[in-house]
Amino acid sequence: MSLSGQRYEKISDDGVPPREEEQDGLLDSHEPRYRRLVRLSTTSPLTTVCLSISNAVTVAIVLLLLLSRGSLDSPCPTPTTVVYPLRPAWFPPEIPVTKVLHGDKRYGQAPNPESIEAWNQLLPKGRGWVRVNNQSALPDLPGLNHSLPEHRAFPTVFHQLHCLYSTMDSYYELLNVTYGRREKRELGPGDPGWNSEHLNHCWDYLRQTIMCNADVTLEWKKYDEKVGTGWGYRHQCKDWDAIIAWAEDHRTSNSWGILRGGGERIPLE
């Protein structure tokens, strides 16, 4: 009995021959795998888009890792390096420094030749008044006339020192007059002396500028100290020598003296 020419049909588990369309599916299952992958890739644009996005993200991550590694390998600036943005030439310096505060008796005693000289030397030559050239845009501030090519200004720190010493000088002057140690002195031109209006201004001005700068250095309560002096603590400050040098370079005169009625008025040569 010849078997050639006979067609065998796959019998399902229940003994029933599969339908023609099912046989076609079975025949398709024998299609080479690479052909099916090619057919899927050509018929699925979404797959292509997803693969492209994945590749782009991978490349971006690799580039970021390389850049970050390069920045880590580069030498870092020393802790003392200070980089400032570009500023106008007339702008005052603000160089941060740390300083430990200690008491200085020259500034904490009744006025005498030594203490008066020490206080006078706190202000730079020119008494702190500086010249600002209108070469670049100046901020719109009260009393500022933008049409002028040059302006005069008084940095806040010198105003603070003037007010502080004014209150000290007025206190001792009033104390001496009260106890008859000396007669009330005659005020010179422009010298407010211990005029109450001037002193009230100074106290309020000092209050507001102190609150504005708000130094929050912690002064610990020492076990053997009843009243804290505030000495011995490290503060964040500005370079005082740099400020003085800048003020003298931009001064409007050669005058000196922390009080308006003291010192000497010398014009700029």
Protein backbone atom coordinates (compact mmCIF):
# COMPACT_ATOMS: atom_id res chain seq x y z
CA MET A 1 0.00 0.00 0.00
CA SER A 2 1.59 3.20 -1.19
CA LEU A 3 1.60 6.16 1.14
CA SER A 4 2.61 8.67 -1.49
CA GLY A 5 0.04 11.23 -2.45
CA GLN A 6 -1.73 10.93 0.83
CA ARG A 7 -2.19 14.03 2.95
CA TYR A 8 -1.88 13.83 6.66
CA GLU A 9 -3.85 16.21 8.81
CA LYS A 10 -2.93 17.22 12.32
CA ILE A 11 -5.39 15.79 14.78
CA SER A 12 -6.31 17.99 17.68
CA ASP A 13 -6.37 16.78 21.22
CA ASP A 14 -10.08 15.99 20.95
CA GLY A 15 -9.57 13.97 17.78
CA VAL A 16 -11.20 16.52 15.44
CA PRO A 17 -9.18 17.71 12.42
CA PRO A 18 -8.44 21.47 12.49
CA ARG A 19 -10.21 23.82 10.16
CA GLU A 20 -8.44 25.24 7.11
CA GLU A 21 -7.85 28.64 8.65
CA GLU A 22 -6.35 27.01 11.72
CA GLN A 23 -4.02 25.01 9.53
CA ASP A 24 -2.91 28.20 7.86
CA GLY A 25 -2.04 29.59 11.27
CA LEU A 26 -0.07 26.49 12.08
CA LEU A 27 1.78 26.72 8.82
CA ASP A 28 2.58 30.37 9.53
CA SER A 29 4.10 29.38 12.85
CA HIS A 30 6.85 27.62 10.96
CA GLU A 31 7.91 30.90 9.30
CA PRO A 32 11.53 31.70 10.06
CA ARG A 33 11.88 33.88 13.17
CA TYR A 34 13.98 36.62 11.55
CA ARG A 35 11.30 37.11 8.88
CA ARG A 36 8.65 37.62 11.51
CA LEU A 37 10.82 40.21 13.28
CA VAL A 38 11.38 42.09 10.03
CA ARG A 39 7.70 42.06 9.30
CA LEU A 40 6.88 43.35 12.80
CA SER A 41 9.45 46.15 12.54
CA THR A 42 8.08 47.32 9.22
CA THR A 43 4.51 47.26 10.41
CA SER A 44 5.03 48.93 13.86
CA PRO A 45 6.16 52.63 13.61
CA LEU A 46 5.51 53.07 17.34
CA THR A 47 8.29 50.60 18.08
CA THR A 48 10.70 52.61 15.93
CA VAL A 49 9.84 55.84 17.73
CA CYS A 50 10.28 54.26 21.16
CA LEU A 51 13.68 52.84 20.23
CA SER A 52 14.83 56.21 18.89
CA ILE A 53 13.80 58.00 22.07
CA SER A 54 15.51 55.37 24.22
CA ASN A 55 18.76 55.73 22.27
CA ALA A 56 18.67 59.52 22.54
CA VAL A 57 18.13 59.37 26.31
CA THR A 58 21.00 56.92 26.71
CA VAL A 59 23.39 59.14 24.75
CA ALA A 60 22.36 62.20 26.80
CA ILE A 61 22.97 60.37 30.10
CA VAL A 62 26.43 59.25 28.97
CA LEU A 63 27.37 62.80 27.95
CA LEU A 64 26.19 64.21 31.29
CA LEU A 65 28.22 61.63 33.19
CA LEU A 66 31.34 62.47 31.19
CA LEU A 67 30.89 66.21 31.75
CA SER A 68 30.32 65.80 35.49
CA ARG A 69 33.39 63.62 35.79
CA GLY A 70 35.45 66.24 34.00
CA SER A 71 34.26 68.98 36.37
CA LEU A 72 35.09 66.83 39.38
CA ASP A 73 38.59 66.15 38.07
CA SER A 74 39.26 69.87 37.47
CA PRO A 75 41.08 71.73 40.28
CA CYS A 76 38.75 73.52 42.70
CA PRO A 77 39.47 77.11 43.82
CA THR A 78 40.94 77.57 47.27
CA PRO A 79 38.49 78.49 50.07
CA THR A 80 39.86 82.06 50.10
CA THR A 81 39.04 82.67 46.43
CA VAL A 82 36.24 85.22 46.07
CA VAL A 83 34.66 85.78 42.67
CA TYR A 84 32.56 88.90 42.27
CA PRO A 85 30.26 89.89 39.41
CA LEU A 86 31.20 92.90 37.32
CA ARG A 87 30.47 96.16 39.14
CA PRO A 88 30.76 99.81 38.27
CA ALA A 89 34.20 101.28 39.04
CA TRP A 90 32.73 103.60 41.67
CA PHE A 91 31.02 100.80 43.63
CA PRO A 92 32.40 100.30 47.18
CA PRO A 93 34.20 97.01 47.91
CA GLU A 94 32.48 94.33 49.97
CA ILE A 95 35.23 91.80 50.67
CA PRO A 96 34.16 89.28 53.36
CA VAL A 97 36.54 88.63 56.25
CA THR A 98 36.18 87.06 59.68
CA LYS A 99 37.24 88.89 62.81
CA VAL A 100 37.25 88.18 66.54
CA LEU A 101 36.08 91.19 68.55
CA HIS A 102 38.08 92.38 71.56
CA GLY A 103 37.66 95.42 73.79
CA ASP A 104 39.65 98.59 73.05
CA LYS A 105 39.70 101.16 75.86
CA ARG A 106 40.55 104.02 73.51
CA TYR A 107 36.96 103.98 72.26
CA GLY A 108 35.24 103.27 75.56
CA GLN A 109 36.22 106.16 77.84
CA ALA A 110 35.48 109.82 78.41
CA PRO A 111 36.75 112.09 75.62
CA ASN A 112 40.43 112.95 76.03
CA PRO A 113 43.17 113.74 73.51
CA GLU A 114 43.98 110.05 72.93
CA SER A 115 40.38 108.90 72.50
CA ILE A 116 39.40 111.88 70.34
CA GLU A 117 42.31 111.19 68.00
CA ALA A 118 41.38 107.51 67.81
CA TRP A 119 37.78 108.31 66.89
CA ASN A 120 38.83 110.90 64.33
CA GLN A 121 41.08 108.38 62.61
CA LEU A 122 38.19 105.99 62.08
CA LEU A 123 36.94 108.15 59.24
CA PRO A 124 39.09 108.31 56.09
CA LYS A 125 40.60 111.48 54.71
CA GLY A 126 37.69 113.46 53.33
CA ARG A 127 35.46 112.50 56.30
CA GLY A 128 33.91 109.70 54.26
CA TRP A 129 32.33 111.82 51.54
CA VAL A 130 32.97 110.24 48.13
CA ARG A 131 32.55 111.30 44.52
CA VAL A 132 30.49 109.11 42.17
CA ASN A 133 30.88 109.67 38.44
CA ASN A 134 27.73 109.19 36.42
CA GLN A 135 29.47 107.01 33.83
CA SER A 136 27.03 104.14 34.19
CA ALA A 137 23.39 103.82 35.11
CA LEU A 138 22.80 104.92 38.70
CA PRO A 139 19.83 103.59 40.66
CA ASP A 140 16.80 105.80 41.07
CA LEU A 141 17.33 106.94 44.65
CA PRO A 142 15.83 109.81 46.68
CA GLY A 143 17.60 113.11 46.02
CA LEU A 144 19.58 111.78 43.06
CA ASN A 145 19.67 114.07 40.03
CA HIS A 146 20.53 111.94 37.00
CA SER A 147 21.24 115.01 34.87
CA LEU A 148 24.39 115.80 36.87
CA PRO A 149 27.68 114.25 35.68
CA GLU A 150 28.91 113.76 39.25
CA HIS A 151 27.41 113.09 42.68
CA ARG A 152 28.53 113.18 46.31
CA ALA A 153 27.62 110.36 48.66
CA PHE A 154 28.21 109.38 52.29
CA PRO A 155 28.52 105.61 52.95
CA THR A 156 26.25 104.35 55.71
CA VAL A 157 29.08 102.99 57.85
CA PHE A 158 30.63 106.46 58.21
CA HIS A 159 27.23 107.94 59.01
CA GLN A 160 26.85 105.28 61.71
CA LEU A 161 30.22 106.11 63.26
CA HIS A 162 29.43 109.82 63.18
CA CYS A 163 26.10 109.24 64.94
CA LEU A 164 27.61 106.89 67.49
CA TYR A 165 30.37 109.30 68.47
CA SER A 166 27.93 112.23 68.49
CA THR A 167 25.86 110.51 71.18
CA MET A 168 28.96 109.67 73.20
CA ASP A 169 30.38 113.18 72.94
CA SER A 170 27.01 114.73 73.83
CA TYR A 171 26.59 112.45 76.85
CA TYR A 172 29.92 113.44 78.40
CA GLU A 173 29.42 117.09 77.47
CA LEU A 174 26.03 117.13 79.17
CA LEU A 175 27.45 115.24 82.15
CA ASN A 176 30.22 117.80 82.64
CA VAL A 177 27.80 120.73 82.39
CA THR A 178 25.35 119.10 84.79
CA TYR A 179 27.99 118.55 87.46
CA GLY A 180 29.60 121.96 86.91
CA ARG A 181 32.85 120.58 85.59
CA ARG A 182 32.72 123.02 82.70
CA GLU A 183 30.41 125.54 81.15
CA LYS A 184 28.27 124.74 78.19
CA ARG A 185 30.37 125.23 75.07
CA GLU A 186 29.29 127.38 72.19
CA LEU A 187 28.30 125.38 69.16
CA GLY A 188 30.19 126.11 65.97
CA PRO A 189 28.53 126.56 62.57
CA GLY A 190 26.80 123.37 61.51
CA ASP A 191 27.61 121.61 64.79
CA PRO A 192 24.42 120.01 66.21
CA GLY A 193 26.16 119.21 69.50
CA TRP A 194 23.74 117.56 71.89
CA ASN A 195 20.73 119.00 70.15
CA SER A 196 17.85 116.66 70.97
CA GLU A 197 16.62 116.55 67.38
CA HIS A 198 20.01 115.42 66.12
CA LEU A 199 20.42 112.82 68.86
CA ASN A 200 16.92 111.43 68.31
CA HIS A 201 17.73 111.08 64.63
CA CYS A 202 20.98 109.28 65.43
CA TRP A 203 19.38 106.80 67.80
CA ASP A 204 16.68 105.88 65.31
CA TYR A 205 19.17 105.74 62.46
CA LEU A 206 21.47 103.43 64.41
CA ARG A 207 18.54 101.25 65.42
CA GLN A 208 17.42 100.73 61.84
CA THR A 209 20.86 100.16 60.35
CA ILE A 210 21.77 97.67 63.09
CA MET A 211 18.56 95.76 62.43
CA CYS A 212 19.18 95.95 58.68
CA ASN A 213 22.63 94.31 58.93
CA ALA A 214 21.39 91.93 61.65
CA ASP A 215 24.59 90.24 62.82
CA VAL A 216 23.33 86.94 64.28
CA THR A 217 26.65 85.69 65.69
CA LEU A 218 25.84 83.58 68.75
CA GLU A 219 27.38 84.90 71.98
CA TRP A 220 27.35 82.02 74.44
CA LYS A 221 26.58 82.63 78.10
CA LYS A 222 29.73 81.80 80.03
CA TYR A 223 29.41 80.06 83.37
CA ASP A 224 31.61 82.63 85.18
CA GLU A 225 30.19 85.76 83.53
CA LYS A 226 27.25 87.67 84.98
CA VAL A 227 26.95 90.18 82.16
CA GLY A 228 28.09 89.26 78.66
CA THR A 229 30.60 91.62 77.05
CA GLY A 230 30.38 90.15 73.55
CA TRP A 231 34.16 89.97 73.26
CA GLY A 232 35.97 86.91 71.92
CA TYR A 233 33.44 85.83 69.31
CA ARG A 234 34.19 85.43 65.61
CA HIS A 235 32.07 87.61 63.31
CA GLN A 236 31.58 87.78 59.56
CA CYS A 237 32.76 91.26 58.57
CA LYS A 238 33.90 93.30 55.58
CA ASP A 239 37.50 94.26 54.88
CA TRP A 240 37.77 97.62 56.66
CA ASP A 241 41.11 98.57 55.13
CA ALA A 242 39.71 98.06 51.62
CA ILE A 243 36.73 100.30 52.42
CA ILE A 244 38.98 103.06 53.79
CA ALA A 245 41.27 102.87 50.75
CA TRP A 246 38.30 103.07 48.38
CA ALA A 247 36.82 106.05 50.25
CA GLU A 248 40.10 107.96 50.13
CA ASP A 249 40.53 107.24 46.42
CA HIS A 250 37.08 108.75 45.75
CA ARG A 251 37.13 111.50 48.40
CA THR A 252 35.72 114.94 47.71
CA SER A 253 38.10 116.83 50.04
CA ASN A 254 41.05 116.42 52.38
CA SER A 255 39.05 117.34 55.47
CA TRP A 256 39.19 115.26 58.62
CA GLY A 257 37.20 114.90 61.85
CA ILE A 258 34.34 112.67 62.92
CA LEU A 259 32.20 115.60 64.11
CA ARG A 260 31.05 118.46 61.96
CA GLY A 261 32.26 120.97 64.54
CA GLY A 262 35.65 119.32 65.01
CA GLY A 263 38.61 118.46 62.86
CA GLU A 264 39.65 120.64 59.96
CA ARG A 265 38.13 121.55 56.61
CA ILE A 266 40.67 121.20 53.79
CA PRO A 267 39.61 121.39 50.13
CA LEU A 268 40.72 118.79 47.64
CA GLU A 269 43.80 119.98 45.73
